[in-house]
C-alpha atoms as a PDB file:
ATOM      1  CA  UNK A   1      -0.055  -0.040   0.010  1.00  0.00           C
ATOM      2  CA  UNK A   2       1.197   3.565  -0.834  1.00  0.00           C
ATOM      3  CA  UNK A   3      -0.232   6.893   0.370  1.00  0.00           C
ATOM      4  CA  UNK A   4       0.077  10.488   0.330  1.00  0.00           C
ATOM      5  CA  UNK A   5       0.422  12.692   3.153  1.00  0.00           C
ATOM      6  CA  UNK A   6      -2.861  14.326   4.299  1.00  0.00           C
ATOM      7  CA  UNK A   7      -3.293  17.765   3.037  1.00  0.00           C
ATOM      8  CA  UNK A   8      -5.696  20.653   3.693  1.00  0.00           C
ATOM      9  CA  UNK A   9      -7.698  21.618   0.931  1.00  0.00           C
ATOM     10  CA  UNK A  10     -11.106  23.887   0.969  1.00  0.00           C
ATOM     11  CA  UNK A  11     -11.297  23.578   4.696  1.00  0.00           C
ATOM     12  CA  UNK A  12     -10.890  19.749   4.522  1.00  0.00           C
ATOM     13  CA  UNK A  13      -8.135  17.441   5.391  1.00  0.00           C
ATOM     14  CA  UNK A  14      -7.620  14.639   2.796  1.00  0.00           C
ATOM     15  CA  UNK A  15      -5.577  11.851   1.991  1.00  0.00           C
ATOM     16  CA  UNK A  16      -5.429   9.031  -0.710  1.00  0.00           C
ATOM     17  CA  UNK A  17      -4.252   5.633   0.143  1.00  0.00           C
ATOM     18  CA  UNK A  18      -3.578   3.036  -2.734  1.00  0.00           C
ATOM     19  CA  UNK A  19      -3.825  -0.721  -2.319  1.00  0.00           C
ATOM     20  CA  UNK A  20      -3.019  -3.723  -4.289  1.00  0.00           C
ATOM     21  CA  UNK A  21      -6.481  -5.359  -4.078  1.00  0.00           C
ATOM     22  CA  UNK A  22     -10.174  -4.345  -3.945  1.00  0.00           C
ATOM     23  CA  UNK A  23     -10.245  -6.422  -0.700  1.00  0.00           C
ATOM     24  CA  UNK A  24      -7.783  -4.314   0.910  1.00  0.00           C
ATOM     25  CA  UNK A  25      -9.828  -1.249   0.119  1.00  0.00           C
ATOM     26  CA  UNK A  26     -13.089  -2.720   1.310  1.00  0.00           C
ATOM     27  CA  UNK A  27     -11.231  -3.715   4.417  1.00  0.00           C
ATOM     28  CA  UNK A  28      -9.587  -0.313   4.965  1.00  0.00           C
ATOM     29  CA  UNK A  29     -12.735   1.546   4.150  1.00  0.00           C
ATOM     30  CA  UNK A  30     -14.647  -0.606   6.811  1.00  0.00           C
ATOM     31  CA  UNK A  31     -11.993   0.293   9.488  1.00  0.00           C
ATOM     32  CA  UNK A  32     -12.229   4.039   8.662  1.00  0.00           C
ATOM     33  CA  UNK A  33     -16.241   3.935   8.867  1.00  0.00           C
ATOM     34  CA  UNK A  34     -15.583   2.237  12.158  1.00  0.00           C
ATOM     35  CA  UNK A  35     -13.276   5.076  13.526  1.00  0.00           C
ATOM     36  CA  UNK A  36     -15.991   7.541  12.093  1.00  0.00           C
ATOM     37  CA  UNK A  37     -18.670   5.855  14.064  1.00  0.00           C
ATOM     38  CA  UNK A  38     -16.654   5.524  17.561  1.00  0.00           C
ATOM     39  CA  UNK A  39     -15.754   9.447  16.973  1.00  0.00           C
ATOM     40  CA  UNK A  40     -19.247  10.527  15.888  1.00  0.00           C
ATOM     41  CA  UNK A  41     -17.423  12.271  13.004  1.00  0.00           C
ATOM     42  CA  UNK A  42     -18.507  12.131   9.311  1.00  0.00           C
ATOM     43  CA  UNK A  43     -15.771  11.825   6.607  1.00  0.00           C
ATOM     44  CA  UNK A  44     -16.202  11.767   2.882  1.00  0.00           C
ATOM     45  CA  UNK A  45     -14.899   8.443   1.844  1.00  0.00           C
ATOM     46  CA  UNK A  46     -14.373   7.829  -1.931  1.00  0.00           C
ATOM     47  CA  UNK A  47     -13.819   4.306  -2.920  1.00  0.00           C
ATOM     48  CA  UNK A  48     -12.456   3.109  -6.111  1.00  0.00           C
ATOM     49  CA  UNK A  49     -11.073  -0.136  -7.516  1.00  0.00           C
ATOM     50  CA  UNK A  50      -7.454   0.427  -6.022  1.00  0.00           C
ATOM     51  CA  UNK A  51      -7.425   3.412  -3.829  1.00  0.00           C
ATOM     52  CA  UNK A  52      -9.490   5.258  -1.164  1.00  0.00           C
ATOM     53  CA  UNK A  53      -9.610   8.878  -0.660  1.00  0.00           C
ATOM     54  CA  UNK A  54     -10.621  10.261   2.763  1.00  0.00           C
ATOM     55  CA  UNK A  55     -11.825  13.879   3.589  1.00  0.00           C
ATOM     56  CA  UNK A  56     -12.759  15.417   6.656  1.00  0.00           C
ATOM     57  CA  UNK A  57     -13.811  18.664   8.168  1.00  0.00           C
ATOM     58  CA  UNK A  58     -15.990  19.918  10.887  1.00  0.00           C
ATOM     59  CA  UNK A  59     -19.129  20.811   9.544  1.00  0.00           C
ATOM     60  CA  UNK A  60     -20.270  22.547  12.756  1.00  0.00           C
ATOM     61  CA  UNK A  61     -17.278  24.967  12.420  1.00  0.00           C
ATOM     62  CA  UNK A  62     -16.814  25.205   8.660  1.00  0.00           C
ATOM     63  CA  UNK A  63     -13.345  24.259   8.835  1.00  0.00           C
ATOM     64  CA  UNK A  64     -10.597  21.763  10.251  1.00  0.00           C
ATOM     65  CA  UNK A  65     -10.758  21.361  13.858  1.00  0.00           C
ATOM     66  CA  UNK A  66      -9.163  19.557  16.500  1.00  0.00           C
ATOM     67  CA  UNK A  67     -11.784  16.906  15.956  1.00  0.00           C
ATOM     68  CA  UNK A  68     -10.536  16.428  12.582  1.00  0.00           C
ATOM     69  CA  UNK A  69      -6.961  15.956  13.757  1.00  0.00           C
ATOM     70  CA  UNK A  70      -8.195  13.497  16.163  1.00  0.00           C
ATOM     71  CA  UNK A  71      -9.954  11.482  13.508  1.00  0.00           C
ATOM     72  CA  UNK A  72      -6.942  11.792  11.217  1.00  0.00           C
ATOM     73  CA  UNK A  73      -4.838  10.152  13.996  1.00  0.00           C
ATOM     74  CA  UNK A  74      -6.923   7.458  14.378  1.00  0.00           C
ATOM     75  CA  UNK A  75      -7.166   6.691  10.731  1.00  0.00           C
ATOM     76  CA  UNK A  76      -3.272   6.810  10.639  1.00  0.00           C
ATOM     77  CA  UNK A  77      -3.234   4.048  12.920  1.00  0.00           C
ATOM     78  CA  UNK A  78      -5.475   1.795  10.862  1.00  0.00           C
ATOM     79  CA  UNK A  79      -2.887   1.382   8.373  1.00  0.00           C
END
């Protein structure tokens, strides 16, 4: 698996993860969704055949918040 660093774009943090198989894509996406459920935070998860793009912002504040950084830290531990 390869990935780019998290970047801030249009008041969102985003990162793309590339995988060798679609099964890896699905497994990772499910783990990210579990983090979102546990933290009650709602990312955008774009699933493709060999990569996943995750974007997060704090919709209540309209920008990246500490809550977003906690989410990013947890997602980084998934990989």
